[in-house]
């Protein structure tokens, strides 16, 4: 296992490019795809992230406890890639990188997590549980429902934690992994330990959600709250109203507030999980080492709480590399730097990295 901190610089001007041609030609310049492929992508408009329907119709499938809403692009017989969003984001975290991967021949699946978008619980009686093991089990069930035996899994924020868990507990289902902000598996006992005041300050919303005032406030001001988090977590990302609103509609899900609040309360040991996940959580509490090929990514302007890369390198025992993406890239790295994220997926899935 080698730890390589490879900086990649994203030109600030490139981040402002709008439309398929501009994005595609930028990718070709970076060497991610060939100029011919980039030109083809430009002609078809595949990466026009300004288009609110860039993913096309959302598909639905019953999987485990859920009817999952998901986007799928790329050839049906392509190597599967599953991309997982976090909070407070949605599938559009990957709207550009997914099209880049599809153009390279991957079958790309981007699901709405429980509590987001068109994903719904099959039963009104099911607990609206946001604990980490529950979300990971959802993704394994989705892969089963779609007939995907093994996939490269990429994630950011909650999605990175979920990818970590699938790679750790079901390594036979995870061909390789890209994780934004590294190793994020946690446990309730660790969550009960106090941090230095400056570190605690960064988790202000976690403590807000621990109160009934916080639940009511998030329910009343969901969009305002999410917009603030976007700004704080990515202070140099100049996203527009249309970009935000395209994702914000995913928070209208009737289970969204319950899932988010339970997630953060569970982390602090203030809410119980479901017994069906107890064995999984016991295994996760041991901080299992991840053995699948992995690339971790971090932006140089991440305003959200995140561990330093040197602290988690030892948690990856297989082929491993860390890349720091510079140029003012914040917490929502796949959307802010889709070229770098797509390149990492391609490299890790083909084992073409250090």
Protein backbone atom coordinates (compact mmCIF):
# COMPACT_ATOMS: atom_id res chain seq x y z
CA UNK A 1 0.00 0.00 0.00
CA UNK A 2 1.33 3.39 -0.98
CA UNK A 3 0.11 6.79 0.06
CA UNK A 4 0.55 9.30 -2.73
CA UNK A 5 -0.76 12.83 -2.33
CA UNK A 6 -1.16 13.90 -5.95
CA UNK A 7 -2.36 17.49 -6.38
CA UNK A 8 -4.54 18.30 -9.35
CA UNK A 9 -5.34 21.88 -10.23
CA UNK A 10 -8.75 22.90 -11.56
CA UNK A 11 -8.68 26.18 -13.47
CA UNK A 12 -11.25 28.53 -11.96
CA UNK A 13 -12.30 29.66 -15.41
CA UNK A 14 -13.01 26.06 -16.43
CA UNK A 15 -15.46 25.71 -13.54
CA UNK A 16 -17.56 28.53 -15.00
CA UNK A 17 -17.95 26.95 -18.43
CA UNK A 18 -21.59 26.29 -19.28
CA UNK A 19 -22.86 23.85 -21.91
CA UNK A 20 -21.83 20.56 -23.41
CA UNK A 21 -19.24 21.82 -25.87
CA UNK A 22 -17.35 23.87 -23.30
CA UNK A 23 -17.27 21.09 -20.73
CA UNK A 24 -16.37 18.41 -23.26
CA UNK A 25 -13.51 20.37 -24.79
CA UNK A 26 -12.20 21.14 -21.31
CA UNK A 27 -12.12 17.41 -20.59
CA UNK A 28 -10.25 16.72 -23.80
CA UNK A 29 -7.67 19.35 -22.85
CA UNK A 30 -7.16 17.58 -19.53
CA UNK A 31 -6.62 14.30 -21.33
CA UNK A 32 -9.51 12.45 -19.70
CA UNK A 33 -11.05 11.47 -23.03
CA UNK A 34 -9.89 11.74 -26.59
CA UNK A 35 -10.59 14.95 -28.60
CA UNK A 36 -12.78 12.90 -30.95
CA UNK A 37 -14.87 11.56 -28.07
CA UNK A 38 -15.11 15.02 -26.56
CA UNK A 39 -16.34 16.42 -29.86
CA UNK A 40 -18.94 13.66 -30.11
CA UNK A 41 -20.11 14.40 -26.59
CA UNK A 42 -20.34 18.09 -27.39
CA UNK A 43 -22.54 17.38 -30.41
CA UNK A 44 -24.96 15.23 -28.43
CA UNK A 45 -25.14 17.66 -25.51
CA UNK A 46 -24.37 14.90 -23.02
CA UNK A 47 -22.77 17.11 -20.40
CA UNK A 48 -25.05 20.14 -20.57
CA UNK A 49 -25.32 20.56 -16.83
CA UNK A 50 -27.37 23.74 -17.24
CA UNK A 51 -30.19 21.51 -18.54
CA UNK A 52 -32.55 20.60 -15.69
CA UNK A 53 -33.31 17.30 -17.46
CA UNK A 54 -29.70 16.34 -18.09
CA UNK A 55 -30.22 12.90 -16.58
CA UNK A 56 -33.39 12.22 -18.51
CA UNK A 57 -36.34 10.38 -16.95
CA UNK A 58 -35.74 9.00 -13.47
CA UNK A 59 -36.28 5.24 -13.24
CA UNK A 60 -37.87 3.41 -10.31
CA UNK A 61 -37.22 -0.06 -8.92
CA UNK A 62 -38.28 -1.92 -5.79
CA UNK A 63 -35.15 -2.75 -3.80
CA UNK A 64 -35.19 -3.99 -0.22
CA UNK A 65 -37.29 -1.63 1.89
CA UNK A 66 -37.54 1.02 -0.81
CA UNK A 67 -38.82 1.95 -4.20
CA UNK A 68 -35.65 3.65 -5.39
CA UNK A 69 -35.52 6.50 -7.86
CA UNK A 70 -32.33 6.49 -9.87
CA UNK A 71 -30.71 7.86 -13.00
CA UNK A 72 -29.00 5.49 -15.40
CA UNK A 73 -26.88 6.42 -18.39
CA UNK A 74 -24.32 4.64 -20.52
CA UNK A 75 -24.40 1.28 -22.30
CA UNK A 76 -26.38 -1.44 -20.54
CA UNK A 77 -23.48 -3.86 -20.94
CA UNK A 78 -20.86 -1.39 -19.66
CA UNK A 79 -18.85 -1.90 -16.50
CA UNK A 80 -21.16 -0.75 -13.66
CA UNK A 81 -20.44 2.39 -11.66
CA UNK A 82 -22.66 3.40 -8.72
CA UNK A 83 -22.38 7.02 -7.59
CA UNK A 84 -23.77 8.09 -4.20
CA UNK A 85 -24.67 11.62 -3.14
CA UNK A 86 -24.63 13.19 0.31
CA UNK A 87 -26.49 15.79 2.36
CA UNK A 88 -27.79 18.30 1.47
CA UNK A 89 -27.25 17.36 -2.16
CA UNK A 90 -28.82 14.96 -4.64
CA UNK A 91 -28.06 12.97 -7.78
CA UNK A 92 -27.00 16.14 -9.62
CA UNK A 93 -23.75 16.03 -7.68
CA UNK A 94 -22.78 13.71 -10.56
CA UNK A 95 -24.64 15.24 -13.48
CA UNK A 96 -21.45 16.04 -15.40
CA UNK A 97 -19.11 13.27 -14.27
CA UNK A 98 -21.76 10.62 -14.96
CA UNK A 99 -22.01 11.67 -18.59
CA UNK A 100 -18.24 11.67 -18.93
CA UNK A 101 -18.13 8.12 -17.59
CA UNK A 102 -20.98 7.01 -19.85
CA UNK A 103 -19.04 8.38 -22.81
CA UNK A 104 -16.15 6.14 -21.76
CA UNK A 105 -18.40 3.09 -21.88
CA UNK A 106 -19.46 2.73 -18.23
CA UNK A 107 -22.98 1.91 -17.10
CA UNK A 108 -23.59 4.63 -14.54
CA UNK A 109 -26.23 4.32 -11.80
CA UNK A 110 -26.98 7.35 -9.60
CA UNK A 111 -29.68 6.68 -6.97
CA UNK A 112 -31.53 9.04 -4.70
CA UNK A 113 -30.76 7.90 -1.15
CA UNK A 114 -33.63 7.19 1.23
CA UNK A 115 -35.34 10.48 2.03
CA UNK A 116 -34.41 12.16 -1.25
CA UNK A 117 -36.03 12.69 -4.64
CA UNK A 118 -38.41 10.01 -5.84
CA UNK A 119 -37.17 7.28 -3.50
CA UNK A 120 -39.96 6.07 -1.20
CA UNK A 121 -40.41 3.47 1.53
CA UNK A 122 -42.56 0.54 0.47
CA UNK A 123 -44.30 0.45 3.85
CA UNK A 124 -45.60 3.23 6.04
CA UNK A 125 -44.65 1.05 9.00
CA UNK A 126 -40.90 1.04 8.26
CA UNK A 127 -38.84 3.18 10.60
CA UNK A 128 -37.45 6.30 8.92
CA UNK A 129 -33.94 5.29 9.86
CA UNK A 130 -30.96 7.32 8.71
CA UNK A 131 -28.18 5.31 10.36
CA UNK A 132 -25.13 4.46 8.26
CA UNK A 133 -25.73 0.70 8.00
CA UNK A 134 -29.28 1.19 6.78
CA UNK A 135 -28.20 3.40 3.89
CA UNK A 136 -25.44 0.97 2.90
CA UNK A 137 -27.86 -1.96 2.98
CA UNK A 138 -30.12 0.03 0.64
CA UNK A 139 -27.33 0.20 -1.95
CA UNK A 140 -26.61 -3.53 -1.79
CA UNK A 141 -30.35 -4.17 -2.24
CA UNK A 142 -30.39 -1.80 -5.21
CA UNK A 143 -27.50 -3.63 -6.84
CA UNK A 144 -29.37 -6.90 -6.31
CA UNK A 145 -32.52 -5.46 -7.88
CA UNK A 146 -30.58 -4.22 -10.91
CA UNK A 147 -28.66 -7.48 -11.34
CA UNK A 148 -25.31 -5.85 -10.60
CA UNK A 149 -22.94 -8.32 -8.98
CA UNK A 150 -20.01 -5.94 -8.64
CA UNK A 151 -19.49 -2.25 -9.32
CA UNK A 152 -17.01 0.54 -8.91
CA UNK A 153 -18.55 2.73 -6.24
CA UNK A 154 -17.95 6.44 -5.81
CA UNK A 155 -19.29 8.75 -3.14
CA UNK A 156 -19.15 12.14 -1.48
CA UNK A 157 -20.26 13.06 2.07
CA UNK A 158 -22.95 10.54 3.17
CA UNK A 159 -22.31 8.81 -0.15
CA UNK A 160 -18.62 8.37 0.64
CA UNK A 161 -19.44 6.85 4.02
CA UNK A 162 -21.88 4.50 2.29
CA UNK A 163 -19.29 3.53 -0.30
CA UNK A 164 -16.79 2.87 2.51
CA UNK A 165 -19.25 0.56 4.25
CA UNK A 166 -20.10 -1.44 1.14
CA UNK A 167 -16.38 -1.83 0.39
CA UNK A 168 -15.66 -2.89 3.99
CA UNK A 169 -18.58 -5.26 4.63
CA UNK A 170 -19.35 -6.49 1.11
CA UNK A 171 -15.98 -6.29 -0.69
CA UNK A 172 -17.11 -8.87 -3.24
CA UNK A 173 -19.68 -6.30 -4.45
CA UNK A 174 -17.18 -3.44 -4.75
CA UNK A 175 -14.67 -3.69 -7.59
CA UNK A 176 -13.00 -0.43 -6.58
CA UNK A 177 -13.86 2.81 -4.81
CA UNK A 178 -13.47 6.58 -5.06
CA UNK A 179 -14.17 8.31 -1.75
CA UNK A 180 -14.32 12.08 -1.33
CA UNK A 181 -12.84 12.95 2.07
CA UNK A 182 -11.48 9.48 2.66
CA UNK A 183 -12.48 7.04 5.40
CA UNK A 184 -15.73 8.12 7.05
CA UNK A 185 -17.07 5.02 8.81
CA UNK A 186 -18.15 5.96 12.33
CA UNK A 187 -19.81 4.54 15.41
CA UNK A 188 -21.96 5.85 18.21
CA UNK A 189 -19.33 5.46 20.92
CA UNK A 190 -16.89 7.62 18.99
CA UNK A 191 -19.67 10.10 18.36
CA UNK A 192 -20.13 10.57 22.10
CA UNK A 193 -16.54 11.71 22.62
CA UNK A 194 -16.07 15.49 22.93
CA UNK A 195 -13.90 17.37 20.47
CA UNK A 196 -11.93 20.59 20.99
CA UNK A 197 -14.21 23.65 20.86
CA UNK A 198 -13.10 24.77 17.41
CA UNK A 199 -13.88 21.36 15.97
CA UNK A 200 -17.23 21.21 17.75
CA UNK A 201 -18.16 24.55 16.19
CA UNK A 202 -17.99 23.02 12.72
CA UNK A 203 -20.69 20.54 13.70
CA UNK A 204 -23.19 23.21 14.78
CA UNK A 205 -26.00 21.74 12.66
CA UNK A 206 -25.57 18.33 14.26
CA UNK A 207 -26.41 19.82 17.65
CA UNK A 208 -29.22 21.91 16.17
CA UNK A 209 -30.82 18.75 14.80
CA UNK A 210 -30.55 17.18 18.26
CA UNK A 211 -33.30 19.53 19.44
CA UNK A 212 -36.98 19.64 18.54
CA UNK A 213 -36.44 23.30 17.66
CA UNK A 214 -33.89 22.10 15.14
CA UNK A 215 -36.26 19.56 13.61
CA UNK A 216 -38.95 22.22 13.28
CA UNK A 217 -36.47 24.73 11.90
CA UNK A 218 -35.13 22.34 9.27
CA UNK A 219 -38.67 21.36 8.26
CA UNK A 220 -39.67 25.03 7.89
CA UNK A 221 -36.51 26.34 6.26
CA UNK A 222 -35.21 23.29 4.38
CA UNK A 223 -34.10 25.16 1.27
CA UNK A 224 -32.60 28.07 3.19
CA UNK A 225 -30.73 25.62 5.41
CA UNK A 226 -29.37 23.61 2.49
CA UNK A 227 -28.34 26.78 0.63
CA UNK A 228 -26.38 27.93 3.67
CA UNK A 229 -24.62 24.57 3.97
CA UNK A 230 -23.69 24.70 0.28
CA UNK A 231 -22.10 28.12 0.82
CA UNK A 232 -20.26 27.17 4.00
CA UNK A 233 -19.05 23.82 2.69
CA UNK A 234 -17.89 25.20 -0.66
CA UNK A 235 -17.01 28.86 -0.04
CA UNK A 236 -15.44 29.37 -3.47
CA UNK A 237 -18.08 27.55 -5.54
CA UNK A 238 -20.15 30.16 -7.40
CA UNK A 239 -23.23 28.06 -8.02
CA UNK A 240 -26.33 29.76 -9.41
CA UNK A 241 -29.95 29.65 -8.31
CA UNK A 242 -30.90 27.21 -11.08
CA UNK A 243 -28.16 24.79 -10.06
CA UNK A 244 -29.26 24.88 -6.43
CA UNK A 245 -32.98 24.58 -7.15
CA UNK A 246 -32.42 21.60 -9.44
CA UNK A 247 -31.11 19.72 -6.39
CA UNK A 248 -33.36 21.34 -3.79
CA UNK A 249 -36.50 19.72 -5.20
CA UNK A 250 -35.08 16.40 -3.95
CA UNK A 251 -35.59 17.65 -0.38
CA UNK A 252 -39.37 17.79 -0.91
CA UNK A 253 -39.40 14.04 -0.25
CA UNK A 254 -41.89 13.38 2.59
CA UNK A 255 -39.27 11.40 4.55
CA UNK A 256 -36.40 13.83 4.09
CA UNK A 257 -36.55 15.65 7.44
CA UNK A 258 -37.01 12.43 9.41
CA UNK A 259 -34.05 10.74 7.69
CA UNK A 260 -31.70 13.72 8.11
CA UNK A 261 -32.60 14.33 11.74
CA UNK A 262 -32.34 10.65 12.64
CA UNK A 263 -28.96 10.36 10.92
CA UNK A 264 -27.40 13.09 13.02
CA UNK A 265 -29.13 12.10 16.26
CA UNK A 266 -28.06 8.48 15.78
CA UNK A 267 -24.44 9.56 15.36
CA UNK A 268 -24.52 11.21 18.79
CA UNK A 269 -26.22 8.26 20.42
CA UNK A 270 -29.39 10.30 20.92
CA UNK A 271 -31.57 8.03 18.77
CA UNK A 272 -31.80 4.27 18.52
CA UNK A 273 -31.25 2.42 15.28
CA UNK A 274 -33.06 -0.70 14.12
CA UNK A 275 -32.13 -4.12 15.53
CA UNK A 276 -31.86 -5.51 12.00
CA UNK A 277 -28.65 -3.47 11.57
CA UNK A 278 -27.09 -4.20 14.97
CA UNK A 279 -24.65 -6.83 13.69
CA UNK A 280 -23.52 -4.58 10.86
CA UNK A 281 -22.98 -1.66 13.23
CA UNK A 282 -20.94 -3.85 15.58
CA UNK A 283 -18.64 -4.71 12.70
CA UNK A 284 -18.39 -1.08 11.62
CA UNK A 285 -17.54 -0.01 15.18
CA UNK A 286 -14.31 -2.00 14.81
CA UNK A 287 -13.18 0.41 12.07
CA UNK A 288 -12.64 -2.28 9.42
CA UNK A 289 -9.77 -1.77 7.00
CA UNK A 290 -10.78 -1.49 3.35
CA UNK A 291 -8.93 -3.73 0.93
CA UNK A 292 -10.43 -2.85 -2.46
CA UNK A 293 -8.47 -0.54 -4.80
CA UNK A 294 -9.20 3.01 -3.67
CA UNK A 295 -8.57 6.59 -4.66
CA UNK A 296 -9.48 9.23 -2.08
CA UNK A 297 -10.08 12.82 -3.11
CA UNK A 298 -10.14 16.11 -1.24
CA UNK A 299 -10.69 19.67 -2.38
CA UNK A 300 -8.34 22.40 -1.27
CA UNK A 301 -11.23 24.66 -0.18
CA UNK A 302 -13.47 22.21 1.69
CA UNK A 303 -15.32 24.22 4.30
CA UNK A 304 -17.07 21.22 5.88
CA UNK A 305 -15.63 19.10 8.71
CA UNK A 306 -13.29 16.52 7.20
CA UNK A 307 -10.29 14.44 8.30
CA UNK A 308 -6.78 15.11 7.06
CA UNK A 309 -5.66 12.56 4.42
CA UNK A 310 -2.65 11.42 6.47
CA UNK A 311 -4.97 10.28 9.27
CA UNK A 312 -6.86 7.74 7.16
CA UNK A 313 -4.29 6.40 4.69
CA UNK A 314 -3.68 3.39 6.95
CA UNK A 315 -7.34 2.38 6.63
CA UNK A 316 -6.79 1.26 3.03
CA UNK A 317 -4.76 -1.93 2.68
CA UNK A 318 -5.06 -2.43 -1.07
CA UNK A 319 -3.83 -0.36 -3.98
CA UNK A 320 -4.32 3.21 -2.83
CA UNK A 321 -3.73 6.81 -3.81
CA UNK A 322 -4.83 10.18 -2.45
CA UNK A 323 -5.38 13.17 -4.72
CA UNK A 324 -5.86 16.74 -3.56
CA UNK A 325 -7.80 18.78 -6.10
CA UNK A 326 -6.72 22.42 -6.03
CA UNK A 327 -8.26 25.53 -7.53
CA UNK A 328 -10.83 26.41 -4.87
CA UNK A 329 -12.67 23.07 -4.81
CA UNK A 330 -15.02 22.61 -1.88
CA UNK A 331 -17.02 19.85 -0.25
CA UNK A 332 -19.20 18.92 -3.23
CA UNK A 333 -16.14 17.93 -5.23
CA UNK A 334 -17.79 15.73 -7.92
CA UNK A 335 -20.00 18.62 -9.01
CA UNK A 336 -17.35 21.31 -8.63
CA UNK A 337 -14.59 19.29 -10.33
CA UNK A 338 -16.36 16.63 -12.44
CA UNK A 339 -13.33 16.06 -14.66
CA UNK A 340 -11.11 15.14 -11.71
CA UNK A 341 -13.77 12.91 -10.17
CA UNK A 342 -14.46 11.09 -13.44
CA UNK A 343 -10.75 10.59 -14.01
CA UNK A 344 -10.43 9.00 -10.56
CA UNK A 345 -13.29 6.58 -11.30
CA UNK A 346 -11.70 5.61 -14.61
CA UNK A 347 -8.25 5.17 -13.09
CA UNK A 348 -9.37 3.13 -10.09
CA UNK A 349 -11.68 0.89 -12.10
CA UNK A 350 -8.89 0.12 -14.56
CA UNK A 351 -6.19 -0.03 -11.88
CA UNK A 352 -4.28 2.63 -13.82
CA UNK A 353 -2.88 4.51 -10.85
CA UNK A 354 0.06 4.14 -8.49
